[in-house]
């Protein structure tokens, strides 16, 4: 979400509430449901090849959308460093690590951990961008850490399950990789259309992901069954393609605090849909962890929204 922040309207600008909420609901539902979808997809394909197929379909979808909208352009030379950093870190790195980690843990829990990213932006921005560590931001980060510790509660985690700690660590690493990409984005001044650049960001991820997956995994291990084709089309065309375009529209239609709420909505949908589709019943530690992380995300989003309004009004911070 945050890598598209440059396309957000300024504080006080007019908002298209109805369209924005429809797009937001679509993205939250699709991305949340995509967690159990990915879990099911891993029964047909190893993780790197699954990610490669997903990203390939998503890339094609985004190029079609950008072309249909008449905004498909070659990236400006000044945007190329961010095109590659977003492609490698926030697309290839984040999605690959989450998919690999999901092999070892429930999809609902993976959804919660994957959406801790907005929390880690706070200390990273303070260290690398010099942003102020205000009290609400500190509290929001602390709530996120409490939620993370709840999910990794040693009394609740099934340590007999092989790779439990490793899988969770991969997903937490994914959120840190995503945050590193975001810090680069925040320092960058865009020259091209954000939606058009997403196509090239996805394509740049495939430059590294395709050879890596072909070297590390065997394509013969993929089970090309109808269920897998439906699965990978959902995860690729919808979750990695249409949803990204829809989120750009939502960001342009709604205030930042509402977008922060959506970051908490996705793991909630992930928990519920994993229970329905996979029969995963979240423990109370998972639910408590989700509530703490969600509160932290909302608090940080409220703070950023308030500071944006103060800057727009010329009020010193």
C-alpha atoms as a PDB file:
ATOM      1  CA  UNK A   1       0.000   0.000   0.000  1.00  0.00           C
ATOM      2  CA  UNK A   2       2.541   2.593   1.089  1.00  0.00           C
ATOM      3  CA  UNK A   3       4.652   2.392  -2.041  1.00  0.00           C
ATOM      4  CA  UNK A   4       1.759   4.119  -3.790  1.00  0.00           C
ATOM      5  CA  UNK A   5       1.608   6.950  -1.305  1.00  0.00           C
ATOM      6  CA  UNK A   6       2.737   9.508  -3.838  1.00  0.00           C
ATOM      7  CA  UNK A   7      -0.602   9.129  -5.608  1.00  0.00           C
ATOM      8  CA  UNK A   8      -2.632   9.959  -2.504  1.00  0.00           C
ATOM      9  CA  UNK A   9      -4.635  13.173  -2.466  1.00  0.00           C
ATOM     10  CA  UNK A  10      -3.424  15.985  -0.296  1.00  0.00           C
ATOM     11  CA  UNK A  11      -5.066  16.463   3.064  1.00  0.00           C
ATOM     12  CA  UNK A  12      -8.295  18.305   2.625  1.00  0.00           C
ATOM     13  CA  UNK A  13      -8.753  17.219  -0.983  1.00  0.00           C
ATOM     14  CA  UNK A  14     -12.102  15.871  -2.143  1.00  0.00           C
ATOM     15  CA  UNK A  15     -12.655  12.159  -1.726  1.00  0.00           C
ATOM     16  CA  UNK A  16     -14.764   9.723  -3.776  1.00  0.00           C
ATOM     17  CA  UNK A  17     -16.067   7.832  -0.772  1.00  0.00           C
ATOM     18  CA  UNK A  18     -18.420   5.363  -2.466  1.00  0.00           C
ATOM     19  CA  UNK A  19     -15.962   4.210  -5.127  1.00  0.00           C
ATOM     20  CA  UNK A  20     -13.120   4.242  -2.624  1.00  0.00           C
ATOM     21  CA  UNK A  21     -14.895   1.983  -0.153  1.00  0.00           C
ATOM     22  CA  UNK A  22     -15.977  -0.423  -2.888  1.00  0.00           C
ATOM     23  CA  UNK A  23     -12.393  -0.715  -4.104  1.00  0.00           C
ATOM     24  CA  UNK A  24     -11.136  -1.030  -0.541  1.00  0.00           C
ATOM     25  CA  UNK A  25     -13.598  -3.823   0.244  1.00  0.00           C
ATOM     26  CA  UNK A  26     -12.593  -5.635  -2.939  1.00  0.00           C
ATOM     27  CA  UNK A  27      -8.868  -5.480  -2.132  1.00  0.00           C
ATOM     28  CA  UNK A  28      -9.304  -6.454   1.529  1.00  0.00           C
ATOM     29  CA  UNK A  29     -11.492  -9.448   0.627  1.00  0.00           C
ATOM     30  CA  UNK A  30      -9.293 -10.619  -2.244  1.00  0.00           C
ATOM     31  CA  UNK A  31      -5.952 -10.227  -0.467  1.00  0.00           C
ATOM     32  CA  UNK A  32      -7.340 -11.798   2.706  1.00  0.00           C
ATOM     33  CA  UNK A  33      -8.810 -14.785   0.861  1.00  0.00           C
ATOM     34  CA  UNK A  34      -5.566 -15.121  -1.088  1.00  0.00           C
ATOM     35  CA  UNK A  35      -3.760 -16.441   2.003  1.00  0.00           C
ATOM     36  CA  UNK A  36      -5.703 -19.726   2.175  1.00  0.00           C
ATOM     37  CA  UNK A  37      -5.661 -19.791  -1.636  1.00  0.00           C
ATOM     38  CA  UNK A  38      -1.844 -19.709  -1.576  1.00  0.00           C
ATOM     39  CA  UNK A  39      -1.792 -22.393   1.117  1.00  0.00           C
ATOM     40  CA  UNK A  40      -3.896 -24.645  -1.117  1.00  0.00           C
ATOM     41  CA  UNK A  41      -1.759 -23.770  -4.140  1.00  0.00           C
ATOM     42  CA  UNK A  42       1.365 -25.055  -2.411  1.00  0.00           C
ATOM     43  CA  UNK A  43      -0.160 -28.529  -2.523  1.00  0.00           C
ATOM     44  CA  UNK A  44       0.264 -28.403  -6.313  1.00  0.00           C
ATOM     45  CA  UNK A  45       3.542 -26.528  -6.714  1.00  0.00           C
ATOM     46  CA  UNK A  46       6.767 -25.781  -4.823  1.00  0.00           C
ATOM     47  CA  UNK A  47       6.895 -22.204  -3.442  1.00  0.00           C
ATOM     48  CA  UNK A  48       9.353 -20.507  -5.814  1.00  0.00           C
ATOM     49  CA  UNK A  49       7.677 -21.825  -8.948  1.00  0.00           C
ATOM     50  CA  UNK A  50       4.271 -20.961  -7.503  1.00  0.00           C
ATOM     51  CA  UNK A  51       5.436 -17.404  -6.858  1.00  0.00           C
ATOM     52  CA  UNK A  52       6.934 -17.162 -10.356  1.00  0.00           C
ATOM     53  CA  UNK A  53       3.693 -18.281 -12.007  1.00  0.00           C
ATOM     54  CA  UNK A  54       1.674 -15.922  -9.819  1.00  0.00           C
ATOM     55  CA  UNK A  55       3.907 -12.939 -10.552  1.00  0.00           C
ATOM     56  CA  UNK A  56       3.988 -13.716 -14.291  1.00  0.00           C
ATOM     57  CA  UNK A  57       0.192 -13.693 -14.499  1.00  0.00           C
ATOM     58  CA  UNK A  58       0.042 -10.565 -12.330  1.00  0.00           C
ATOM     59  CA  UNK A  59       2.565  -8.799 -14.577  1.00  0.00           C
ATOM     60  CA  UNK A  60       0.603  -9.612 -17.731  1.00  0.00           C
ATOM     61  CA  UNK A  61      -2.602  -8.437 -16.045  1.00  0.00           C
ATOM     62  CA  UNK A  62      -1.067  -5.122 -14.985  1.00  0.00           C
ATOM     63  CA  UNK A  63       0.318  -4.460 -18.479  1.00  0.00           C
ATOM     64  CA  UNK A  64      -3.142  -5.137 -19.941  1.00  0.00           C
ATOM     65  CA  UNK A  65      -4.765  -2.767 -17.411  1.00  0.00           C
ATOM     66  CA  UNK A  66      -2.207  -0.007 -17.994  1.00  0.00           C
ATOM     67  CA  UNK A  67      -2.532  -0.430 -21.772  1.00  0.00           C
ATOM     68  CA  UNK A  68      -6.330  -0.348 -21.641  1.00  0.00           C
ATOM     69  CA  UNK A  69      -6.161   2.850 -19.579  1.00  0.00           C
ATOM     70  CA  UNK A  70      -3.755   4.433 -22.064  1.00  0.00           C
ATOM     71  CA  UNK A  71      -1.072   5.095 -19.437  1.00  0.00           C
ATOM     72  CA  UNK A  72       1.504   2.469 -20.398  1.00  0.00           C
ATOM     73  CA  UNK A  73       4.836   4.237 -20.828  1.00  0.00           C
ATOM     74  CA  UNK A  74       8.480   3.306 -20.477  1.00  0.00           C
ATOM     75  CA  UNK A  75       9.724   4.271 -16.991  1.00  0.00           C
ATOM     76  CA  UNK A  76      11.503   7.594 -16.615  1.00  0.00           C
ATOM     77  CA  UNK A  77      15.216   7.095 -16.132  1.00  0.00           C
ATOM     78  CA  UNK A  78      15.054   8.747 -12.702  1.00  0.00           C
ATOM     79  CA  UNK A  79      12.422   6.207 -11.599  1.00  0.00           C
ATOM     80  CA  UNK A  80      14.459   3.133 -12.558  1.00  0.00           C
ATOM     81  CA  UNK A  81      16.211   2.660  -9.161  1.00  0.00           C
ATOM     82  CA  UNK A  82      12.842   2.516  -7.395  1.00  0.00           C
ATOM     83  CA  UNK A  83      11.335   0.328 -10.120  1.00  0.00           C
ATOM     84  CA  UNK A  84      13.996  -2.271  -9.337  1.00  0.00           C
ATOM     85  CA  UNK A  85      13.970  -1.814  -5.555  1.00  0.00           C
ATOM     86  CA  UNK A  86      10.184  -2.221  -5.397  1.00  0.00           C
ATOM     87  CA  UNK A  87      10.328  -5.125  -7.844  1.00  0.00           C
ATOM     88  CA  UNK A  88      13.058  -6.971  -5.960  1.00  0.00           C
ATOM     89  CA  UNK A  89      12.180  -6.107  -2.361  1.00  0.00           C
ATOM     90  CA  UNK A  90       8.433  -5.470  -2.178  1.00  0.00           C
ATOM     91  CA  UNK A  91       7.358  -7.823  -4.957  1.00  0.00           C
ATOM     92  CA  UNK A  92       9.826 -10.680  -5.345  1.00  0.00           C
ATOM     93  CA  UNK A  93      11.339 -10.608  -1.848  1.00  0.00           C
ATOM     94  CA  UNK A  94       8.184 -10.095   0.188  1.00  0.00           C
ATOM     95  CA  UNK A  95       5.879 -12.440  -1.735  1.00  0.00           C
ATOM     96  CA  UNK A  96       8.500 -15.184  -2.088  1.00  0.00           C
ATOM     97  CA  UNK A  97       9.394 -15.189   1.621  1.00  0.00           C
ATOM     98  CA  UNK A  98       5.729 -15.159   2.678  1.00  0.00           C
ATOM     99  CA  UNK A  99       4.924 -18.033   0.321  1.00  0.00           C
ATOM    100  CA  UNK A 100       7.902 -20.062   1.567  1.00  0.00           C
ATOM    101  CA  UNK A 101       7.025 -19.388   5.191  1.00  0.00           C
ATOM    102  CA  UNK A 102       3.415 -20.421   4.649  1.00  0.00           C
ATOM    103  CA  UNK A 103       4.555 -24.002   4.042  1.00  0.00           C
ATOM    104  CA  UNK A 104       5.197 -24.345   7.761  1.00  0.00           C
ATOM    105  CA  UNK A 105       2.303 -22.540   9.433  1.00  0.00           C
ATOM    106  CA  UNK A 106      -1.452 -21.874   9.217  1.00  0.00           C
ATOM    107  CA  UNK A 107      -2.530 -19.420   6.531  1.00  0.00           C
ATOM    108  CA  UNK A 108      -4.434 -17.250   9.026  1.00  0.00           C
ATOM    109  CA  UNK A 109      -1.402 -16.803  11.241  1.00  0.00           C
ATOM    110  CA  UNK A 110       0.726 -16.051   8.172  1.00  0.00           C
ATOM    111  CA  UNK A 111      -1.744 -13.312   7.181  1.00  0.00           C
ATOM    112  CA  UNK A 112      -1.375 -11.631  10.580  1.00  0.00           C
ATOM    113  CA  UNK A 113       2.420 -11.742  10.510  1.00  0.00           C
ATOM    114  CA  UNK A 114       2.623 -10.508   6.899  1.00  0.00           C
ATOM    115  CA  UNK A 115       0.635  -7.376   7.744  1.00  0.00           C
ATOM    116  CA  UNK A 116       2.900  -6.210  10.564  1.00  0.00           C
ATOM    117  CA  UNK A 117       4.853  -4.245   7.928  1.00  0.00           C
ATOM    118  CA  UNK A 118       3.213  -0.837   8.673  1.00  0.00           C
ATOM    119  CA  UNK A 119       4.430  -1.135  12.271  1.00  0.00           C
ATOM    120  CA  UNK A 120       8.098  -1.568  11.341  1.00  0.00           C
ATOM    121  CA  UNK A 121       8.003   1.491   9.103  1.00  0.00           C
ATOM    122  CA  UNK A 122       7.904   3.726  12.209  1.00  0.00           C
ATOM    123  CA  UNK A 123      11.363   2.924  13.653  1.00  0.00           C
ATOM    124  CA  UNK A 124      12.857   2.513  10.166  1.00  0.00           C
ATOM    125  CA  UNK A 125      11.645   5.965   9.089  1.00  0.00           C
ATOM    126  CA  UNK A 126      13.020   7.477  12.298  1.00  0.00           C
ATOM    127  CA  UNK A 127      16.452   5.910  11.742  1.00  0.00           C
ATOM    128  CA  UNK A 128      16.857   6.364   7.984  1.00  0.00           C
ATOM    129  CA  UNK A 129      14.610   9.335   7.164  1.00  0.00           C
ATOM    130  CA  UNK A 130      14.826  11.359  10.364  1.00  0.00           C
ATOM    131  CA  UNK A 131      11.057  11.244  10.961  1.00  0.00           C
ATOM    132  CA  UNK A 132       9.905  12.079  14.477  1.00  0.00           C
ATOM    133  CA  UNK A 133       9.147   9.269  16.916  1.00  0.00           C
ATOM    134  CA  UNK A 134       5.984  10.756  18.396  1.00  0.00           C
ATOM    135  CA  UNK A 135       4.301   9.153  21.399  1.00  0.00           C
ATOM    136  CA  UNK A 136       1.391   7.686  19.362  1.00  0.00           C
ATOM    137  CA  UNK A 137       3.840   6.172  16.877  1.00  0.00           C
ATOM    138  CA  UNK A 138       5.860   4.620  19.696  1.00  0.00           C
ATOM    139  CA  UNK A 139       2.701   3.223  21.292  1.00  0.00           C
ATOM    140  CA  UNK A 140       1.535   1.873  17.933  1.00  0.00           C
ATOM    141  CA  UNK A 141       4.872   0.122  17.416  1.00  0.00           C
ATOM    142  CA  UNK A 142       4.767  -1.268  20.960  1.00  0.00           C
ATOM    143  CA  UNK A 143       1.273  -2.675  20.351  1.00  0.00           C
ATOM    144  CA  UNK A 144       2.574  -4.359  17.202  1.00  0.00           C
ATOM    145  CA  UNK A 145       5.431  -5.947  19.141  1.00  0.00           C
ATOM    146  CA  UNK A 146       3.018  -7.181  21.825  1.00  0.00           C
ATOM    147  CA  UNK A 147       0.893  -8.737  19.084  1.00  0.00           C
ATOM    148  CA  UNK A 148       3.932 -10.361  17.508  1.00  0.00           C
ATOM    149  CA  UNK A 149       5.025 -11.817  20.857  1.00  0.00           C
ATOM    150  CA  UNK A 150       1.501 -13.140  21.424  1.00  0.00           C
ATOM    151  CA  UNK A 151       1.549 -14.982  18.102  1.00  0.00           C
ATOM    152  CA  UNK A 152       4.956 -16.477  18.910  1.00  0.00           C
ATOM    153  CA  UNK A 153       3.877 -17.367  22.440  1.00  0.00           C
ATOM    154  CA  UNK A 154       5.897 -20.498  23.310  1.00  0.00           C
ATOM    155  CA  UNK A 155       2.878 -21.947  25.141  1.00  0.00           C
ATOM    156  CA  UNK A 156       0.673 -21.692  22.052  1.00  0.00           C
ATOM    157  CA  UNK A 157       3.031 -22.588  19.193  1.00  0.00           C
ATOM    158  CA  UNK A 158       3.092 -26.231  18.123  1.00  0.00           C
ATOM    159  CA  UNK A 159       6.832 -26.842  18.437  1.00  0.00           C
ATOM    160  CA  UNK A 160       6.386 -30.463  17.364  1.00  0.00           C
ATOM    161  CA  UNK A 161       5.461 -29.237  13.892  1.00  0.00           C
ATOM    162  CA  UNK A 162       8.608 -29.180  11.746  1.00  0.00           C
ATOM    163  CA  UNK A 163       9.678 -25.726  10.614  1.00  0.00           C
ATOM    164  CA  UNK A 164       7.216 -23.715  12.754  1.00  0.00           C
ATOM    165  CA  UNK A 165       9.777 -21.194  13.976  1.00  0.00           C
ATOM    166  CA  UNK A 166      11.539 -21.144  10.600  1.00  0.00           C
ATOM    167  CA  UNK A 167       8.307 -20.399   8.728  1.00  0.00           C
ATOM    168  CA  UNK A 168       7.342 -17.577  11.055  1.00  0.00           C
ATOM    169  CA  UNK A 169      10.837 -16.124  10.841  1.00  0.00           C
ATOM    170  CA  UNK A 170      10.661 -16.112   7.030  1.00  0.00           C
ATOM    171  CA  UNK A 171       7.440 -14.100   7.102  1.00  0.00           C
ATOM    172  CA  UNK A 172       8.795 -11.621   9.646  1.00  0.00           C
ATOM    173  CA  UNK A 173      11.896 -11.285   7.440  1.00  0.00           C
ATOM    174  CA  UNK A 174       9.538 -10.616   4.520  1.00  0.00           C
ATOM    175  CA  UNK A 175       7.998  -7.664   6.388  1.00  0.00           C
ATOM    176  CA  UNK A 176      11.460  -6.227   7.050  1.00  0.00           C
ATOM    177  CA  UNK A 177      12.375  -6.584   3.364  1.00  0.00           C
ATOM    178  CA  UNK A 178       9.112  -4.830   2.438  1.00  0.00           C
ATOM    179  CA  UNK A 179       9.929  -2.022   4.886  1.00  0.00           C
ATOM    180  CA  UNK A 180      13.389  -1.569   3.352  1.00  0.00           C
ATOM    181  CA  UNK A 181      11.757  -1.102  -0.041  1.00  0.00           C
ATOM    182  CA  UNK A 182       9.314   1.411   1.393  1.00  0.00           C
ATOM    183  CA  UNK A 183      12.092   3.528   2.905  1.00  0.00           C
ATOM    184  CA  UNK A 184      13.651   3.806  -0.564  1.00  0.00           C
ATOM    185  CA  UNK A 185      10.258   4.750  -2.029  1.00  0.00           C
ATOM    186  CA  UNK A 186       9.724   7.483   0.575  1.00  0.00           C
ATOM    187  CA  UNK A 187      13.034   9.068  -0.355  1.00  0.00           C
ATOM    188  CA  UNK A 188      12.174   9.050  -4.052  1.00  0.00           C
ATOM    189  CA  UNK A 189      10.435  11.725  -6.084  1.00  0.00           C
ATOM    190  CA  UNK A 190       8.285  10.099  -8.755  1.00  0.00           C
ATOM    191  CA  UNK A 191       8.539  11.237 -12.372  1.00  0.00           C
ATOM    192  CA  UNK A 192       6.150   8.777 -14.041  1.00  0.00           C
ATOM    193  CA  UNK A 193       2.585   7.558 -13.527  1.00  0.00           C
ATOM    194  CA  UNK A 194       2.499   5.324 -10.452  1.00  0.00           C
ATOM    195  CA  UNK A 195       0.012   2.842 -11.909  1.00  0.00           C
ATOM    196  CA  UNK A 196       2.022   2.518 -15.117  1.00  0.00           C
ATOM    197  CA  UNK A 197       5.233   1.936 -13.145  1.00  0.00           C
ATOM    198  CA  UNK A 198       3.720  -0.997 -11.254  1.00  0.00           C
ATOM    199  CA  UNK A 199       3.792  -3.051 -14.461  1.00  0.00           C
ATOM    200  CA  UNK A 200       7.526  -2.487 -14.798  1.00  0.00           C
ATOM    201  CA  UNK A 201       8.116  -3.154 -11.098  1.00  0.00           C
ATOM    202  CA  UNK A 202       6.447  -6.545 -11.447  1.00  0.00           C
ATOM    203  CA  UNK A 203       8.414  -7.275 -14.613  1.00  0.00           C
ATOM    204  CA  UNK A 204      11.707  -6.417 -12.892  1.00  0.00           C
ATOM    205  CA  UNK A 205      10.919  -8.966 -10.176  1.00  0.00           C
ATOM    206  CA  UNK A 206      10.619 -11.695 -12.807  1.00  0.00           C
ATOM    207  CA  UNK A 207      14.101 -10.935 -14.160  1.00  0.00           C
ATOM    208  CA  UNK A 208      15.514 -12.414 -10.950  1.00  0.00           C
ATOM    209  CA  UNK A 209      12.677 -14.714  -9.870  1.00  0.00           C
ATOM    210  CA  UNK A 210      12.419 -16.813 -13.055  1.00  0.00           C
ATOM    211  CA  UNK A 211      16.054 -18.043 -13.168  1.00  0.00           C
ATOM    212  CA  UNK A 212      16.121 -18.498  -9.370  1.00  0.00           C
ATOM    213  CA  UNK A 213      13.013 -20.698  -9.349  1.00  0.00           C
ATOM    214  CA  UNK A 214      14.203 -22.750 -12.344  1.00  0.00           C
ATOM    215  CA  UNK A 215      17.562 -23.385 -10.675  1.00  0.00           C
ATOM    216  CA  UNK A 216      16.170 -24.191  -7.225  1.00  0.00           C
ATOM    217  CA  UNK A 217      13.056 -26.216  -8.123  1.00  0.00           C
ATOM    218  CA  UNK A 218      11.893 -28.776 -10.683  1.00  0.00           C
ATOM    219  CA  UNK A 219       9.036 -27.751 -12.992  1.00  0.00           C
ATOM    220  CA  UNK A 220       8.059 -31.429 -13.280  1.00  0.00           C
ATOM    221  CA  UNK A 221       6.909 -31.288  -9.645  1.00  0.00           C
ATOM    222  CA  UNK A 222       3.977 -28.991 -10.554  1.00  0.00           C
ATOM    223  CA  UNK A 223       0.637 -30.796 -10.703  1.00  0.00           C
ATOM    224  CA  UNK A 224      -1.192 -29.170 -13.629  1.00  0.00           C
ATOM    225  CA  UNK A 225      -4.719 -29.934 -12.499  1.00  0.00           C
ATOM    226  CA  UNK A 226      -7.874 -27.817 -13.005  1.00  0.00           C
ATOM    227  CA  UNK A 227      -7.921 -26.871  -9.323  1.00  0.00           C
ATOM    228  CA  UNK A 228      -4.394 -25.508  -9.581  1.00  0.00           C
ATOM    229  CA  UNK A 229      -5.192 -23.481 -12.700  1.00  0.00           C
ATOM    230  CA  UNK A 230      -8.120 -21.793 -10.946  1.00  0.00           C
ATOM    231  CA  UNK A 231      -5.936 -21.255  -7.877  1.00  0.00           C
ATOM    232  CA  UNK A 232      -3.030 -19.624  -9.710  1.00  0.00           C
ATOM    233  CA  UNK A 233      -5.343 -17.461 -11.827  1.00  0.00           C
ATOM    234  CA  UNK A 234      -6.978 -16.106  -8.659  1.00  0.00           C
ATOM    235  CA  UNK A 235      -3.650 -15.459  -6.952  1.00  0.00           C
ATOM    236  CA  UNK A 236      -2.027 -14.053 -10.086  1.00  0.00           C
ATOM    237  CA  UNK A 237      -4.660 -12.158 -12.061  1.00  0.00           C
ATOM    238  CA  UNK A 238      -6.768 -10.946  -9.122  1.00  0.00           C
ATOM    239  CA  UNK A 239      -4.454 -10.698  -6.095  1.00  0.00           C
ATOM    240  CA  UNK A 240      -1.276  -9.660  -7.947  1.00  0.00           C
ATOM    241  CA  UNK A 241      -2.920  -7.739 -10.784  1.00  0.00           C
ATOM    242  CA  UNK A 242      -6.430  -6.333 -10.522  1.00  0.00           C
ATOM    243  CA  UNK A 243      -6.136  -5.743  -6.749  1.00  0.00           C
ATOM    244  CA  UNK A 244      -3.027  -3.601  -7.171  1.00  0.00           C
ATOM    245  CA  UNK A 245      -4.822  -1.371  -9.665  1.00  0.00           C
ATOM    246  CA  UNK A 246      -7.889  -1.248  -7.416  1.00  0.00           C
ATOM    247  CA  UNK A 247      -5.752  -0.169  -4.480  1.00  0.00           C
ATOM    248  CA  UNK A 248      -4.348   2.740  -6.469  1.00  0.00           C
ATOM    249  CA  UNK A 249      -7.918   3.851  -7.087  1.00  0.00           C
ATOM    250  CA  UNK A 250      -8.766   3.456  -3.393  1.00  0.00           C
ATOM    251  CA  UNK A 251      -5.712   5.450  -2.329  1.00  0.00           C
ATOM    252  CA  UNK A 252      -6.721   8.270  -4.654  1.00  0.00           C
ATOM    253  CA  UNK A 253     -10.296   8.194  -3.334  1.00  0.00           C
ATOM    254  CA  UNK A 254      -9.876   7.907   0.448  1.00  0.00           C
ATOM    255  CA  UNK A 255      -7.842   9.541   3.244  1.00  0.00           C
ATOM    256  CA  UNK A 256      -4.722   7.873   4.586  1.00  0.00           C
ATOM    257  CA  UNK A 257      -6.299   6.812   7.875  1.00  0.00           C
ATOM    258  CA  UNK A 258      -8.901   4.768   5.991  1.00  0.00           C
ATOM    259  CA  UNK A 259      -6.129   3.017   4.084  1.00  0.00           C
ATOM    260  CA  UNK A 260      -4.491   2.166   7.417  1.00  0.00           C
ATOM    261  CA  UNK A 261      -7.736   0.535   8.502  1.00  0.00           C
ATOM    262  CA  UNK A 262      -7.587  -1.622   5.386  1.00  0.00           C
ATOM    263  CA  UNK A 263      -4.191  -2.940   6.482  1.00  0.00           C
ATOM    264  CA  UNK A 264      -5.908  -4.325   9.562  1.00  0.00           C
ATOM    265  CA  UNK A 265      -8.853  -5.663   7.542  1.00  0.00           C
ATOM    266  CA  UNK A 266      -6.796  -7.969   5.308  1.00  0.00           C
ATOM    267  CA  UNK A 267      -5.496 -10.265   8.093  1.00  0.00           C
ATOM    268  CA  UNK A 268      -8.990 -10.323   9.607  1.00  0.00           C
ATOM    269  CA  UNK A 269     -10.331 -11.647   6.298  1.00  0.00           C
ATOM    270  CA  UNK A 270      -7.350 -14.009   6.158  1.00  0.00           C
ATOM    271  CA  UNK A 271      -8.221 -15.473   9.558  1.00  0.00           C
ATOM    272  CA  UNK A 272     -11.908 -15.904   8.738  1.00  0.00           C
ATOM    273  CA  UNK A 273     -11.396 -17.274   5.230  1.00  0.00           C
ATOM    274  CA  UNK A 274      -8.717 -19.709   6.454  1.00  0.00           C
ATOM    275  CA  UNK A 275     -11.181 -21.023   9.028  1.00  0.00           C
ATOM    276  CA  UNK A 276     -13.862 -21.469   6.348  1.00  0.00           C
ATOM    277  CA  UNK A 277     -11.731 -22.838   3.501  1.00  0.00           C
ATOM    278  CA  UNK A 278      -9.082 -24.769   5.441  1.00  0.00           C
ATOM    279  CA  UNK A 279     -10.748 -25.472   8.763  1.00  0.00           C
ATOM    280  CA  UNK A 280      -8.037 -23.546  10.643  1.00  0.00           C
ATOM    281  CA  UNK A 281      -9.311 -22.477  14.042  1.00  0.00           C
ATOM    282  CA  UNK A 282      -7.214 -19.553  15.357  1.00  0.00           C
ATOM    283  CA  UNK A 283      -6.090 -19.767  18.981  1.00  0.00           C
ATOM    284  CA  UNK A 284      -6.798 -16.976  21.412  1.00  0.00           C
ATOM    285  CA  UNK A 285      -3.143 -15.932  21.137  1.00  0.00           C
ATOM    286  CA  UNK A 286      -3.644 -15.420  17.391  1.00  0.00           C
ATOM    287  CA  UNK A 287      -6.793 -13.358  17.948  1.00  0.00           C
ATOM    288  CA  UNK A 288      -5.151 -11.251  20.662  1.00  0.00           C
ATOM    289  CA  UNK A 289      -2.072 -10.772  18.478  1.00  0.00           C
ATOM    290  CA  UNK A 290      -4.232  -9.671  15.560  1.00  0.00           C
ATOM    291  CA  UNK A 291      -6.097  -7.145  17.750  1.00  0.00           C
ATOM    292  CA  UNK A 292      -2.860  -5.656  19.083  1.00  0.00           C
ATOM    293  CA  UNK A 293      -1.263  -5.426  15.641  1.00  0.00           C
ATOM    294  CA  UNK A 294      -4.464  -3.996  14.152  1.00  0.00           C
ATOM    295  CA  UNK A 295      -4.686  -1.343  16.882  1.00  0.00           C
ATOM    296  CA  UNK A 296      -1.048  -0.458  16.314  1.00  0.00           C
ATOM    297  CA  UNK A 297      -1.592  -0.044  12.564  1.00  0.00           C
ATOM    298  CA  UNK A 298      -4.649   2.154  13.108  1.00  0.00           C
ATOM    299  CA  UNK A 299      -2.863   4.298  15.689  1.00  0.00           C
ATOM    300  CA  UNK A 300       0.119   4.851  13.411  1.00  0.00           C
ATOM    301  CA  UNK A 301      -2.246   5.630  10.503  1.00  0.00           C
ATOM    302  CA  UNK A 302      -4.186   8.174  12.586  1.00  0.00           C
ATOM    303  CA  UNK A 303      -0.956   9.864  13.600  1.00  0.00           C
ATOM    304  CA  UNK A 304       0.326  10.068  10.021  1.00  0.00           C
ATOM    305  CA  UNK A 305      -3.034  11.464   8.873  1.00  0.00           C
ATOM    306  CA  UNK A 306      -3.023  14.122  11.603  1.00  0.00           C
ATOM    307  CA  UNK A 307       0.544  15.174  10.777  1.00  0.00           C
ATOM    308  CA  UNK A 308      -0.317  15.346   7.052  1.00  0.00           C
ATOM    309  CA  UNK A 309      -3.229  17.695   7.825  1.00  0.00           C
ATOM    310  CA  UNK A 310      -0.967  19.844  10.007  1.00  0.00           C
ATOM    311  CA  UNK A 311       1.611  20.124   7.201  1.00  0.00           C
ATOM    312  CA  UNK A 312      -1.113  21.027   4.708  1.00  0.00           C
ATOM    313  CA  UNK A 313      -2.383  23.734   7.080  1.00  0.00           C
ATOM    314  CA  UNK A 314       1.098  25.132   7.668  1.00  0.00           C
ATOM    315  CA  UNK A 315       1.013  24.230  11.381  1.00  0.00           C
ATOM    316  CA  UNK A 316       4.512  23.509  12.713  1.00  0.00           C
ATOM    317  CA  UNK A 317       4.968  20.004  14.080  1.00  0.00           C
END
